[in-house]
Amino acid sequence: MSDSYQAIFDAVRSKIGNVDAGEAIERSFRDMNIAHYFEMASAEARMAICSIQEEMTAPSAVYRPSISVDGNQWCALYGDDLQSGVAGFGDTPEQAMADFNKNWREPLRNSPSGLAKSV
């Protein structure tokens, strides 16, 4: 190091030599309220994980019904036909899958819980 740089280095080191770096970082984080941002990011990550888990466990994702066009709508069908399977219809494949998920959870109309629901 040249003599002029050494003098500058020594001057700077003498000014910051007594600084507690850990305390300075902690104070900066506290002043910036960094914990708040970490909590917000953590909450958003939890919501994203729940949303992904919900999507992955939906009946349309688990049972993977076949998708086809039926007339002027999309049809998501699990089973051999409409009478013995579960189906959902919609203007888009996404809407057909959403209708399929809803219908998957519905009881048969003539089952005891289906009759009770219609009354």
PDB file of N, CA and C in Angstrom:
ATOM      1  N   MET A   1       0.846  -1.177   0.000  1.00  0.00           N
ATOM      2  CA  MET A   1       0.000   0.000   0.000  1.00  0.00           C
ATOM      3  C   MET A   1       0.892   1.242   0.000  1.00  0.00           C
ATOM      4  N   SER A   2       0.536   2.241  -0.780  1.00  0.00           N
ATOM      5  CA  SER A   2       1.344   3.464  -0.785  1.00  0.00           C
ATOM      6  C   SER A   2       1.097   4.241   0.494  1.00  0.00           C
ATOM      7  N   ASP A   3       1.964   5.174   0.784  1.00  0.00           N
ATOM      8  CA  ASP A   3       1.878   5.929   2.039  1.00  0.00           C
ATOM      9  C   ASP A   3       0.592   6.723   2.166  1.00  0.00           C
ATOM     10  N   SER A   4       0.076   7.300   1.070  1.00  0.00           N
ATOM     11  CA  SER A   4      -1.147   8.100   1.167  1.00  0.00           C
ATOM     12  C   SER A   4      -2.354   7.212   1.469  1.00  0.00           C
ATOM     13  N   TYR A   5      -2.399   6.038   0.877  1.00  0.00           N
ATOM     14  CA  TYR A   5      -3.505   5.125   1.164  1.00  0.00           C
ATOM     15  C   TYR A   5      -3.433   4.606   2.595  1.00  0.00           C
ATOM     16  N   GLN A   6      -2.237   4.370   3.090  1.00  0.00           N
ATOM     17  CA  GLN A   6      -2.064   3.876   4.457  1.00  0.00           C
ATOM     18  C   GLN A   6      -2.585   4.902   5.456  1.00  0.00           C
ATOM     19  N   ALA A   7      -2.328   6.157   5.209  1.00  0.00           N
ATOM     20  CA  ALA A   7      -2.789   7.209   6.114  1.00  0.00           C
ATOM     21  C   ALA A   7      -4.312   7.270   6.130  1.00  0.00           C
ATOM     22  N   ILE A   8      -4.932   7.152   4.948  1.00  0.00           N
ATOM     23  CA  ILE A   8      -6.401   7.160   4.869  1.00  0.00           C
ATOM     24  C   ILE A   8      -6.962   5.932   5.565  1.00  0.00           C
ATOM     25  N   PHE A   9      -6.357   4.772   5.295  1.00  0.00           N
ATOM     26  CA  PHE A   9      -6.806   3.529   5.918  1.00  0.00           C
ATOM     27  C   PHE A   9      -6.739   3.633   7.438  1.00  0.00           C
ATOM     28  N   ASP A  10      -5.633   4.137   7.972  1.00  0.00           N
ATOM     29  CA  ASP A  10      -5.472   4.269   9.422  1.00  0.00           C
ATOM     30  C   ASP A  10      -6.495   5.236  10.008  1.00  0.00           C
ATOM     31  N   ALA A  11      -6.772   6.322   9.298  1.00  0.00           N
ATOM     32  CA  ALA A  11      -7.738   7.308   9.795  1.00  0.00           C
ATOM     33  C   ALA A  11      -9.138   6.712   9.853  1.00  0.00           C
ATOM     34  N   VAL A  12      -9.534   6.000   8.802  1.00  0.00           N
ATOM     35  CA  VAL A  12     -10.867   5.387   8.778  1.00  0.00           C
ATOM     36  C   VAL A  12     -10.970   4.313   9.846  1.00  0.00           C
ATOM     37  N   ARG A  13      -9.939   3.487   9.965  1.00  0.00           N
ATOM     38  CA  ARG A  13      -9.965   2.411  10.958  1.00  0.00           C
ATOM     39  C   ARG A  13     -10.047   2.972  12.374  1.00  0.00           C
ATOM     40  N   SER A  14      -9.391   4.074  12.626  1.00  0.00           N
ATOM     41  CA  SER A  14      -9.443   4.651  13.973  1.00  0.00           C
ATOM     42  C   SER A  14     -10.833   5.195  14.291  1.00  0.00           C
ATOM     43  N   LYS A  15     -11.562   5.657  13.259  1.00  0.00           N
ATOM     44  CA  LYS A  15     -12.913   6.181  13.477  1.00  0.00           C
ATOM     45  C   LYS A  15     -13.933   5.066  13.694  1.00  0.00           C
ATOM     46  N   ILE A  16     -13.791   3.952  12.994  1.00  0.00           N
ATOM     47  CA  ILE A  16     -14.795   2.888  13.119  1.00  0.00           C
ATOM     48  C   ILE A  16     -14.313   1.727  13.982  1.00  0.00           C
ATOM     49  N   GLY A  17     -13.139   1.846  14.528  1.00  0.00           N
ATOM     50  CA  GLY A  17     -12.580   0.752  15.322  1.00  0.00           C
ATOM     51  C   GLY A  17     -13.373   0.438  16.571  1.00  0.00           C
ATOM     52  N   ASN A  18     -14.073   1.404  17.143  1.00  0.00           N
ATOM     53  CA  ASN A  18     -14.807   1.192  18.391  1.00  0.00           C
ATOM     54  C   ASN A  18     -16.277   0.854  18.170  1.00  0.00           C
ATOM     55  N   VAL A  19     -16.668   0.619  16.934  1.00  0.00           N
ATOM     56  CA  VAL A  19     -18.069   0.348  16.617  1.00  0.00           C
ATOM     57  C   VAL A  19     -18.372  -1.127  16.852  1.00  0.00           C
ATOM     58  N   ASP A  20     -19.500  -1.392  17.537  1.00  0.00           N
ATOM     59  CA  ASP A  20     -19.988  -2.767  17.705  1.00  0.00           C
ATOM     60  C   ASP A  20     -20.856  -3.075  16.489  1.00  0.00           C
ATOM     61  N   ALA A  21     -20.323  -3.833  15.544  1.00  0.00           N
ATOM     62  CA  ALA A  21     -21.018  -4.092  14.280  1.00  0.00           C
ATOM     63  C   ALA A  21     -22.347  -4.803  14.511  1.00  0.00           C
ATOM     64  N   GLY A  22     -22.392  -5.769  15.406  1.00  0.00           N
ATOM     65  CA  GLY A  22     -23.635  -6.497  15.686  1.00  0.00           C
ATOM     66  C   GLY A  22     -24.723  -5.572  16.189  1.00  0.00           C
ATOM     67  N   GLU A  23     -24.360  -4.684  17.100  1.00  0.00           N
ATOM     68  CA  GLU A  23     -25.333  -3.736  17.646  1.00  0.00           C
ATOM     69  C   GLU A  23     -25.792  -2.763  16.569  1.00  0.00           C
ATOM     70  N   ALA A  24     -24.883  -2.344  15.699  1.00  0.00           N
ATOM     71  CA  ALA A  24     -25.240  -1.417  14.621  1.00  0.00           C
ATOM     72  C   ALA A  24     -26.209  -2.075  13.642  1.00  0.00           C
ATOM     73  N   ILE A  25     -25.967  -3.324  13.301  1.00  0.00           N
ATOM     74  CA  ILE A  25     -26.863  -4.045  12.390  1.00  0.00           C
ATOM     75  C   ILE A  25     -28.221  -4.246  13.039  1.00  0.00           C
ATOM     76  N   GLU A  26     -28.221  -4.643  14.311  1.00  0.00           N
ATOM     77  CA  GLU A  26     -29.486  -4.852  15.029  1.00  0.00           C
ATOM     78  C   GLU A  26     -30.290  -3.559  15.090  1.00  0.00           C
ATOM     79  N   ARG A  27     -29.630  -2.453  15.390  1.00  0.00           N
ATOM     80  CA  ARG A  27     -30.311  -1.161  15.458  1.00  0.00           C
ATOM     81  C   ARG A  27     -30.868  -0.775  14.082  1.00  0.00           C
ATOM     82  N   SER A  28     -30.114  -1.038  13.025  1.00  0.00           N
ATOM     83  CA  SER A  28     -30.588  -0.726  11.670  1.00  0.00           C
ATOM     84  C   SER A  28     -31.830  -1.535  11.327  1.00  0.00           C
ATOM     85  N   PHE A  29     -31.805  -2.836  11.643  1.00  0.00           N
ATOM     86  CA  PHE A  29     -32.968  -3.685  11.373  1.00  0.00           C
ATOM     87  C   PHE A  29     -34.174  -3.217  12.173  1.00  0.00           C
ATOM     88  N   ARG A  30     -33.943  -2.864  13.422  1.00  0.00           N
ATOM     89  CA  ARG A  30     -35.039  -2.406  14.263  1.00  0.00           C
ATOM     90  C   ARG A  30     -35.603  -1.094  13.726  1.00  0.00           C
ATOM     91  N   ASP A  31     -34.720  -0.190  13.317  1.00  0.00           N
ATOM     92  CA  ASP A  31     -35.166   1.097  12.783  1.00  0.00           C
ATOM     93  C   ASP A  31     -35.934   0.924  11.473  1.00  0.00           C
ATOM     94  N   MET A  32     -35.529  -0.024  10.654  1.00  0.00           N
ATOM     95  CA  MET A  32     -36.204  -0.258   9.375  1.00  0.00           C
ATOM     96  C   MET A  32     -37.437  -1.139   9.543  1.00  0.00           C
ATOM     97  N   ASN A  33     -37.666  -1.649  10.739  1.00  0.00           N
ATOM     98  CA  ASN A  33     -38.799  -2.545  11.011  1.00  0.00           C
ATOM     99  C   ASN A  33     -38.762  -3.756  10.073  1.00  0.00           C
ATOM    100  N   ILE A  34     -37.584  -4.346   9.949  1.00  0.00           N
ATOM    101  CA  ILE A  34     -37.373  -5.465   9.033  1.00  0.00           C
ATOM    102  C   ILE A  34     -38.215  -6.668   9.446  1.00  0.00           C
ATOM    103  N   ALA A  35     -38.458  -6.834  10.729  1.00  0.00           N
ATOM    104  CA  ALA A  35     -39.252  -7.981  11.196  1.00  0.00           C
ATOM    105  C   ALA A  35     -40.653  -7.949  10.594  1.00  0.00           C
ATOM    106  N   HIS A  36     -41.202  -6.764  10.454  1.00  0.00           N
ATOM    107  CA  HIS A  36     -42.541  -6.619   9.864  1.00  0.00           C
ATOM    108  C   HIS A  36     -42.562  -7.169   8.440  1.00  0.00           C
ATOM    109  N   TYR A  37     -41.523  -6.858   7.673  1.00  0.00           N
ATOM    110  CA  TYR A  37     -41.463  -7.336   6.289  1.00  0.00           C
ATOM    111  C   TYR A  37     -41.279  -8.847   6.233  1.00  0.00           C
ATOM    112  N   PHE A  38     -40.491  -9.395   7.161  1.00  0.00           N
ATOM    113  CA  PHE A  38     -40.336 -10.846   7.219  1.00  0.00           C
ATOM    114  C   PHE A  38     -41.660 -11.515   7.569  1.00  0.00           C
ATOM    115  N   GLU A  39     -42.412 -10.929   8.497  1.00  0.00           N
ATOM    116  CA  GLU A  39     -43.716 -11.490   8.868  1.00  0.00           C
ATOM    117  C   GLU A  39     -44.685 -11.436   7.689  1.00  0.00           C
ATOM    118  N   MET A  40     -44.681 -10.332   6.956  1.00  0.00           N
ATOM    119  CA  MET A  40     -45.565 -10.216   5.789  1.00  0.00           C
ATOM    120  C   MET A  40     -45.196 -11.252   4.728  1.00  0.00           C
ATOM    121  N   ALA A  41     -43.914 -11.421   4.462  1.00  0.00           N
ATOM    122  CA  ALA A  41     -43.470 -12.403   3.469  1.00  0.00           C
ATOM    123  C   ALA A  41     -43.819 -13.810   3.921  1.00  0.00           C
ATOM    124  N   SER A  42     -43.683 -14.072   5.210  1.00  0.00           N
ATOM    125  CA  SER A  42     -44.013 -15.391   5.749  1.00  0.00           C
ATOM    126  C   SER A  42     -45.506 -15.672   5.614  1.00  0.00           C
ATOM    127  N   ALA A  43     -46.336 -14.686   5.892  1.00  0.00           N
ATOM    128  CA  ALA A  43     -47.784 -14.866   5.767  1.00  0.00           C
ATOM    129  C   ALA A  43     -48.170 -15.114   4.310  1.00  0.00           C
ATOM    130  N   GLU A  44     -47.558 -14.387   3.395  1.00  0.00           N
ATOM    131  CA  GLU A  44     -47.861 -14.598   1.974  1.00  0.00           C
ATOM    132  C   GLU A  44     -47.401 -15.971   1.515  1.00  0.00           C
ATOM    133  N   ALA A  45     -46.268 -16.424   2.020  1.00  0.00           N
ATOM    134  CA  ALA A  45     -45.775 -17.759   1.656  1.00  0.00           C
ATOM    135  C   ALA A  45     -46.726 -18.830   2.173  1.00  0.00           C
ATOM    136  N   ARG A  46     -47.226 -18.661   3.399  1.00  0.00           N
ATOM    137  CA  ARG A  46     -48.189 -19.633   3.956  1.00  0.00           C
ATOM    138  C   ARG A  46     -49.462 -19.666   3.122  1.00  0.00           C
ATOM    139  N   MET A  47     -49.954 -18.496   2.704  1.00  0.00           N
ATOM    140  CA  MET A  47     -51.166 -18.450   1.880  1.00  0.00           C
ATOM    141  C   MET A  47     -50.932 -19.129   0.532  1.00  0.00           C
ATOM    142  N   ALA A  48     -49.767 -18.916  -0.054  1.00  0.00           N
ATOM    143  CA  ALA A  48     -49.453 -19.544  -1.343  1.00  0.00           C
ATOM    144  C   ALA A  48     -49.377 -21.058  -1.198  1.00  0.00           C
ATOM    145  N   ILE A  49     -48.787 -21.526  -0.109  1.00  0.00           N
ATOM    146  CA  ILE A  49     -48.686 -22.972   0.132  1.00  0.00           C
ATOM    147  C   ILE A  49     -50.069 -23.569   0.307  1.00  0.00           C
ATOM    148  N   CYS A  50     -50.941 -22.891   1.057  1.00  0.00           N
ATOM    149  CA  CYS A  50     -52.311 -23.391   1.242  1.00  0.00           C
ATOM    150  C   CYS A  50     -53.050 -23.441  -0.089  1.00  0.00           C
ATOM    151  N   SER A  51     -52.875 -22.431  -0.912  1.00  0.00           N
ATOM    152  CA  SER A  51     -53.533 -22.399  -2.216  1.00  0.00           C
ATOM    153  C   SER A  51     -53.040 -23.533  -3.107  1.00  0.00           C
ATOM    154  N   ILE A  52     -51.740 -23.763  -3.113  1.00  0.00           N
ATOM    155  CA  ILE A  52     -51.173 -24.852  -3.913  1.00  0.00           C
ATOM    156  C   ILE A  52     -51.666 -26.194  -3.402  1.00  0.00           C
ATOM    157  N   GLN A  53     -51.709 -26.345  -2.075  1.00  0.00           N
ATOM    158  CA  GLN A  53     -52.189 -27.600  -1.488  1.00  0.00           C
ATOM    159  C   GLN A  53     -53.650 -27.840  -1.863  1.00  0.00           C
ATOM    160  N   GLU A  54     -54.446 -26.784  -1.832  1.00  0.00           N
ATOM    161  CA  GLU A  54     -55.858 -26.894  -2.203  1.00  0.00           C
ATOM    162  C   GLU A  54     -56.011 -27.327  -3.660  1.00  0.00           C
ATOM    163  N   GLU A  55     -55.220 -26.723  -4.536  1.00  0.00           N
ATOM    164  CA  GLU A  55     -55.275 -27.071  -5.959  1.00  0.00           C
ATOM    165  C   GLU A  55     -54.833 -28.514  -6.197  1.00  0.00           C
ATOM    166  N   MET A  56     -53.798 -28.943  -5.487  1.00  0.00           N
ATOM    167  CA  MET A  56     -53.259 -30.285  -5.714  1.00  0.00           C
ATOM    168  C   MET A  56     -54.163 -31.384  -5.170  1.00  0.00           C
ATOM    169  N   THR A  57     -55.017 -31.050  -4.204  1.00  0.00           N
ATOM    170  CA  THR A  57     -55.907 -32.058  -3.624  1.00  0.00           C
ATOM    171  C   THR A  57     -57.329 -31.958  -4.161  1.00  0.00           C
ATOM    172  N   ALA A  58     -57.564 -31.068  -5.120  1.00  0.00           N
ATOM    173  CA  ALA A  58     -58.895 -30.958  -5.733  1.00  0.00           C
ATOM    174  C   ALA A  58     -59.198 -32.255  -6.484  1.00  0.00           C
ATOM    175  N   PRO A  59     -60.472 -32.684  -6.491  1.00  0.00           N
ATOM    176  CA  PRO A  59     -60.824 -33.915  -7.205  1.00  0.00           C
ATOM    177  C   PRO A  59     -60.364 -33.919  -8.663  1.00  0.00           C
ATOM    178  N   SER A  60     -60.412 -32.781  -9.325  1.00  0.00           N
ATOM    179  CA  SER A  60     -59.991 -32.736 -10.734  1.00  0.00           C
ATOM    180  C   SER A  60     -58.492 -32.986 -10.884  1.00  0.00           C
ATOM    181  N   ALA A  61     -57.695 -32.633  -9.877  1.00  0.00           N
ATOM    182  CA  ALA A  61     -56.253 -32.889  -9.938  1.00  0.00           C
ATOM    183  C   ALA A  61     -55.933 -34.327  -9.539  1.00  0.00           C
ATOM    184  N   VAL A  62     -56.675 -34.854  -8.567  1.00  0.00           N
ATOM    185  CA  VAL A  62     -56.407 -36.209  -8.073  1.00  0.00           C
ATOM    186  C   VAL A  62     -56.894 -37.265  -9.063  1.00  0.00           C
ATOM    187  N   TYR A  63     -58.125 -37.120  -9.559  1.00  0.00           N
ATOM    188  CA  TYR A  63     -58.739 -38.150 -10.405  1.00  0.00           C
ATOM    189  C   TYR A  63     -58.565 -37.895 -11.901  1.00  0.00           C
ATOM    190  N   ARG A  64     -58.140 -36.703 -12.281  1.00  0.00           N
ATOM    191  CA  ARG A  64     -57.829 -36.344 -13.662  1.00  0.00           C
ATOM    192  C   ARG A  64     -58.896 -36.776 -14.667  1.00  0.00           C
ATOM    193  N   PRO A  65     -60.062 -36.145 -14.624  1.00  0.00           N
ATOM    194  CA  PRO A  65     -61.113 -36.491 -15.589  1.00  0.00           C
ATOM    195  C   PRO A  65     -60.678 -36.138 -17.014  1.00  0.00           C
ATOM    196  N   SER A  66     -61.294 -36.804 -17.957  1.00  0.00           N
ATOM    197  CA  SER A  66     -60.996 -36.487 -19.361  1.00  0.00           C
ATOM    198  C   SER A  66     -61.709 -35.190 -19.733  1.00  0.00           C
ATOM    199  N   ILE A  67     -61.072 -34.423 -20.582  1.00  0.00           N
ATOM    200  CA  ILE A  67     -61.628 -33.138 -21.028  1.00  0.00           C
ATOM    201  C   ILE A  67     -61.970 -33.259 -22.508  1.00  0.00           C
ATOM    202  N   SER A  68     -63.184 -32.855 -22.848  1.00  0.00           N
ATOM    203  CA  SER A  68     -63.591 -32.874 -24.256  1.00  0.00           C
ATOM    204  C   SER A  68     -64.608 -31.767 -24.485  1.00  0.00           C
ATOM    205  N   VAL A  69     -64.874 -31.506 -25.743  1.00  0.00           N
ATOM    206  CA  VAL A  69     -65.894 -30.518 -26.103  1.00  0.00           C
ATOM    207  C   VAL A  69     -67.202 -31.268 -26.283  1.00  0.00           C
ATOM    208  N   ASP A  70     -68.259 -30.769 -25.630  1.00  0.00           N
ATOM    209  CA  ASP A  70     -69.591 -31.372 -25.740  1.00  0.00           C
ATOM    210  C   ASP A  70     -70.546 -30.262 -26.177  1.00  0.00           C
ATOM    211  N   GLY A  71     -70.871 -30.238 -27.441  1.00  0.00           N
ATOM    212  CA  GLY A  71     -71.711 -29.150 -27.957  1.00  0.00           C
ATOM    213  C   GLY A  71     -70.922 -27.861 -27.978  1.00  0.00           C
ATOM    214  N   ASN A  72     -71.407 -26.871 -27.228  1.00  0.00           N
ATOM    215  CA  ASN A  72     -70.710 -25.582 -27.187  1.00  0.00           C
ATOM    216  C   ASN A  72     -70.010 -25.349 -25.846  1.00  0.00           C
ATOM    217  N   GLN A  73     -69.805 -26.423 -25.068  1.00  0.00           N
ATOM    218  CA  GLN A  73     -69.123 -26.293 -23.780  1.00  0.00           C
ATOM    219  C   GLN A  73     -68.067 -27.377 -23.622  1.00  0.00           C
ATOM    220  N   TRP A  74     -67.172 -27.127 -22.681  1.00  0.00           N
ATOM    221  CA  TRP A  74     -66.184 -28.120 -22.310  1.00  0.00           C
ATOM    222  C   TRP A  74     -66.805 -29.065 -21.294  1.00  0.00           C
ATOM    223  N   CYS A  75     -66.390 -30.322 -21.346  1.00  0.00           N
ATOM    224  CA  CYS A  75     -66.891 -31.332 -20.415  1.00  0.00           C
ATOM    225  C   CYS A  75     -65.701 -32.005 -19.748  1.00  0.00           C
ATOM    226  N   ALA A  76     -65.721 -32.057 -18.416  1.00  0.00           N
ATOM    227  CA  ALA A  76     -64.741 -32.828 -17.647  1.00  0.00           C
ATOM    228  C   ALA A  76     -65.486 -34.054 -17.136  1.00  0.00           C
ATOM    229  N   LEU A  77     -65.100 -35.243 -17.581  1.00  0.00           N
ATOM    230  CA  LEU A  77     -65.840 -36.469 -17.264  1.00  0.00           C
ATOM    231  C   LEU A  77     -64.916 -37.501 -16.641  1.00  0.00           C
ATOM    232  N   TYR A  78     -65.340 -38.014 -15.481  1.00  0.00           N
ATOM    233  CA  TYR A  78     -64.648 -39.129 -14.837  1.00  0.00           C
ATOM    234  C   TYR A  78     -65.621 -40.299 -14.840  1.00  0.00           C
ATOM    235  N   GLY A  79     -65.298 -41.326 -15.569  1.00  0.00           N
ATOM    236  CA  GLY A  79     -66.183 -42.474 -15.699  1.00  0.00           C
ATOM    237  C   GLY A  79     -66.461 -42.757 -17.160  1.00  0.00           C
ATOM    238  N   ASP A  80     -67.293 -43.774 -17.387  1.00  0.00           N
ATOM    239  CA  ASP A  80     -67.572 -44.198 -18.759  1.00  0.00           C
ATOM    240  C   ASP A  80     -68.554 -43.284 -19.481  1.00  0.00           C
ATOM    241  N   ASP A  81     -69.540 -42.755 -18.749  1.00  0.00           N
ATOM    242  CA  ASP A  81     -70.547 -41.899 -19.381  1.00  0.00           C
ATOM    243  C   ASP A  81     -71.159 -40.988 -18.326  1.00  0.00           C
ATOM    244  N   LEU A  82     -72.063 -40.104 -18.761  1.00  0.00           N
ATOM    245  CA  LEU A  82     -72.676 -39.142 -17.840  1.00  0.00           C
ATOM    246  C   LEU A  82     -73.546 -39.809 -16.781  1.00  0.00           C
ATOM    247  N   GLN A  83     -74.166 -40.951 -17.103  1.00  0.00           N
ATOM    248  CA  GLN A  83     -75.068 -41.612 -16.160  1.00  0.00           C
ATOM    249  C   GLN A  83     -74.300 -42.302 -15.028  1.00  0.00           C
ATOM    250  N   SER A  84     -73.146 -42.858 -15.323  1.00  0.00           N
ATOM    251  CA  SER A  84     -72.429 -43.611 -14.292  1.00  0.00           C
ATOM    252  C   SER A  84     -71.185 -42.887 -13.787  1.00  0.00           C
ATOM    253  N   GLY A  85     -70.875 -41.726 -14.332  1.00  0.00           N
ATOM    254  CA  GLY A  85     -69.681 -41.001 -13.917  1.00  0.00           C
ATOM    255  C   GLY A  85     -70.013 -39.671 -13.276  1.00  0.00           C
ATOM    256  N   VAL A  86     -68.987 -38.879 -13.096  1.00  0.00           N
ATOM    257  CA  VAL A  86     -69.132 -37.523 -12.563  1.00  0.00           C
ATOM    258  C   VAL A  86     -68.645 -36.578 -13.652  1.00  0.00           C
ATOM    259  N   ALA A  87     -69.421 -35.526 -13.894  1.00  0.00           N
ATOM    260  CA  ALA A  87     -69.073 -34.594 -14.971  1.00  0.00           C
ATOM    261  C   ALA A  87     -69.203 -33.157 -14.502  1.00  0.00           C
ATOM    262  N   GLY A  88     -68.500 -32.299 -15.189  1.00  0.00           N
ATOM    263  CA  GLY A  88     -68.608 -30.864 -14.984  1.00  0.00           C
ATOM    264  C   GLY A  88     -68.568 -30.182 -16.332  1.00  0.00           C
ATOM    265  N   PHE A  89     -69.312 -29.095 -16.472  1.00  0.00           N
ATOM    266  CA  PHE A  89     -69.389 -28.383 -17.750  1.00  0.00           C
ATOM    267  C   PHE A  89     -69.053 -26.913 -17.545  1.00  0.00           C
ATOM    268  N   GLY A  90     -68.474 -26.300 -18.574  1.00  0.00           N
ATOM    269  CA  GLY A  90     -68.163 -24.882 -18.505  1.00  0.00           C
ATOM    270  C   GLY A  90     -67.720 -24.348 -19.849  1.00  0.00           C
ATOM    271  N   ASP A  91     -67.676 -23.022 -19.941  1.00  0.00           N
ATOM    272  CA  ASP A  91     -67.258 -22.371 -21.184  1.00  0.00           C
ATOM    273  C   ASP A  91     -65.752 -22.506 -21.420  1.00  0.00           C
ATOM    274  N   THR A  92     -65.004 -22.780 -20.368  1.00  0.00           N
ATOM    275  CA  THR A  92     -63.558 -22.997 -20.482  1.00  0.00           C
ATOM    276  C   THR A  92     -63.218 -24.308 -19.783  1.00  0.00           C
ATOM    277  N   PRO A  93     -62.078 -24.892 -20.086  1.00  0.00           N
ATOM    278  CA  PRO A  93     -61.677 -26.097 -19.355  1.00  0.00           C
ATOM    279  C   PRO A  93     -61.592 -25.850 -17.844  1.00  0.00           C
ATOM    280  N   GLU A  94     -61.132 -24.662 -17.458  1.00  0.00           N
ATOM    281  CA  GLU A  94     -61.036 -24.334 -16.033  1.00  0.00           C
ATOM    282  C   GLU A  94     -62.419 -24.333 -15.376  1.00  0.00           C
ATOM    283  N   GLN A  95     -63.406 -23.746 -16.044  1.00  0.00           N
ATOM    284  CA  GLN A  95     -64.768 -23.730 -15.499  1.00  0.00           C
ATOM    285  C   GLN A  95     -65.349 -25.136 -15.453  1.00  0.00           C
ATOM    286  N   ALA A  96     -65.035 -25.962 -16.451  1.00  0.00           N
ATOM    287  CA  ALA A  96     -65.513 -27.346 -16.443  1.00  0.00           C
ATOM    288  C   ALA A  96     -64.907 -28.106 -15.267  1.00  0.00           C
ATOM    289  N   MET A  97     -63.631 -27.887 -14.991  1.00  0.00           N
ATOM    290  CA  MET A  97     -62.976 -28.550 -13.851  1.00  0.00           C
ATOM    291  C   MET A  97     -63.562 -28.053 -12.528  1.00  0.00           C
ATOM    292  N   ALA A  98     -63.840 -26.755 -12.424  1.00  0.00           N
ATOM    293  CA  ALA A  98     -64.439 -26.214 -11.198  1.00  0.00           C
ATOM    294  C   ALA A  98     -65.824 -26.817 -10.977  1.00  0.00           C
ATOM    295  N   ASP A  99     -66.613 -26.949 -12.046  1.00  0.00           N
ATOM    296  CA  ASP A  99     -67.936 -27.571 -11.942  1.00  0.00           C
ATOM    297  C   ASP A  99     -67.798 -29.049 -11.579  1.00  0.00           C
ATOM    298  N   PHE A 100     -66.794 -29.717 -12.143  1.00  0.00           N
ATOM    299  CA  PHE A 100     -66.520 -31.111 -11.801  1.00  0.00           C
ATOM    300  C   PHE A 100     -66.219 -31.236 -10.307  1.00  0.00           C
ATOM    301  N   ASN A 101     -65.356 -30.365  -9.781  1.00  0.00           N
ATOM    302  CA  ASN A 101     -65.014 -30.396  -8.352  1.00  0.00           C
ATOM    303  C   ASN A 101     -66.259 -30.209  -7.493  1.00  0.00           C
ATOM    304  N   LYS A 102     -67.128 -29.279  -7.890  1.00  0.00           N
ATOM    305  CA  LYS A 102     -68.369 -29.034  -7.139  1.00  0.00           C
ATOM    306  C   LYS A 102     -69.262 -30.272  -7.191  1.00  0.00           C
ATOM    307  N   ASN A 103     -69.432 -30.844  -8.383  1.00  0.00           N
ATOM    308  CA  ASN A 103     -70.304 -32.012  -8.538  1.00  0.00           C
ATOM    309  C   ASN A 103     -69.741 -33.246  -7.840  1.00  0.00           C
ATOM    310  N   TRP A 104     -68.427 -33.347  -7.747  1.00  0.00           N
ATOM    311  CA  TRP A 104     -67.795 -34.483  -7.073  1.00  0.00           C
ATOM    312  C   TRP A 104     -68.237 -34.539  -5.606  1.00  0.00           C
ATOM    313  N   ARG A 105     -68.436 -33.389  -5.016  1.00  0.00           N
ATOM    314  CA  ARG A 105     -68.776 -33.323  -3.585  1.00  0.00           C
ATOM    315  C   ARG A 105     -70.284 -33.402  -3.329  1.00  0.00           C
ATOM    316  N   GLU A 106     -71.080 -33.391  -4.379  1.00  0.00           N
ATOM    317  CA  GLU A 106     -72.542 -33.445  -4.235  1.00  0.00           C
ATOM    318  C   GLU A 106     -73.015 -34.892  -4.103  1.00  0.00           C
ATOM    319  N   PRO A 107     -73.995 -35.156  -3.211  1.00  0.00           N
ATOM    320  CA  PRO A 107     -74.555 -36.512  -3.112  1.00  0.00           C
ATOM    321  C   PRO A 107     -75.488 -36.793  -4.293  1.00  0.00           C
ATOM    322  N   LEU A 108     -75.740 -38.067  -4.554  1.00  0.00           N
ATOM    323  CA  LEU A 108     -76.721 -38.441  -5.578  1.00  0.00           C
ATOM    324  C   LEU A 108     -78.089 -37.929  -5.165  1.00  0.00           C
ATOM    325  N   ARG A 109     -78.923 -37.566  -6.130  1.00  0.00           N
ATOM    326  CA  ARG A 109     -80.233 -36.985  -5.810  1.00  0.00           C
ATOM    327  C   ARG A 109     -81.109 -37.952  -5.025  1.00  0.00           C
ATOM    328  N   ASN A 110     -81.069 -39.258  -5.351  1.00  0.00           N
ATOM    329  CA  ASN A 110     -81.957 -40.201  -4.650  1.00  0.00           C
ATOM    330  C   ASN A 110     -81.290 -40.830  -3.430  1.00  0.00           C
ATOM    331  N   SER A 111     -80.088 -40.401  -3.061  1.00  0.00           N
ATOM    332  CA  SER A 111     -79.482 -40.918  -1.834  1.00  0.00           C
ATOM    333  C   SER A 111     -80.118 -40.201  -0.641  1.00  0.00           C
ATOM    334  N   PRO A 112     -80.041 -40.784   0.563  1.00  0.00           N
ATOM    335  CA  PRO A 112     -80.652 -40.131   1.735  1.00  0.00           C
ATOM    336  C   PRO A 112     -80.171 -38.690   1.939  1.00  0.00           C
ATOM    337  N   SER A 113     -78.884 -38.445   1.782  1.00  0.00           N
ATOM    338  CA  SER A 113     -78.409 -37.070   1.984  1.00  0.00           C
ATOM    339  C   SER A 113     -78.800 -36.174   0.811  1.00  0.00           C
ATOM    340  N   GLY A 114     -78.941 -36.726  -0.392  1.00  0.00           N
ATOM    341  CA  GLY A 114     -79.394 -35.946  -1.545  1.00  0.00           C
ATOM    342  C   GLY A 114     -80.850 -35.562  -1.419  1.00  0.00           C
ATOM    343  N   LEU A 115     -81.691 -36.486  -0.926  1.00  0.00           N
ATOM    344  CA  LEU A 115     -83.109 -36.181  -0.713  1.00  0.00           C
ATOM    345  C   LEU A 115     -83.275 -35.136   0.376  1.00  0.00           C
ATOM    346  N   ALA A 116     -82.489 -35.260   1.446  1.00  0.00           N
ATOM    347  CA  ALA A 116     -82.582 -34.300   2.547  1.00  0.00           C
ATOM    348  C   ALA A 116     -82.158 -32.907   2.088  1.00  0.00           C
ATOM    349  N   LYS A 117     -81.204 -32.835   1.186  1.00  0.00           N
ATOM    350  CA  LYS A 117     -80.714 -31.544   0.710  1.00  0.00           C
ATOM    351  C   LYS A 117     -81.742 -30.838  -0.169  1.00  0.00           C
ATOM    352  N   SER A 118     -82.526 -31.603  -0.927  1.00  0.00           N
ATOM    353  CA  SER A 118     -83.493 -30.995  -1.842  1.00  0.00           C
ATOM    354  C   SER A 118     -84.756 -30.525  -1.135  1.00  0.00           C
ATOM    355  N   VAL A 119     -84.968 -30.946   0.097  1.00  0.00           N
ATOM    356  CA  VAL A 119     -86.188 -30.566   0.828  1.00  0.00           C
ATOM    357  C   VAL A 119     -86.034 -29.215   1.459  1.00  0.00           C
TER     358      VAL A 119
END
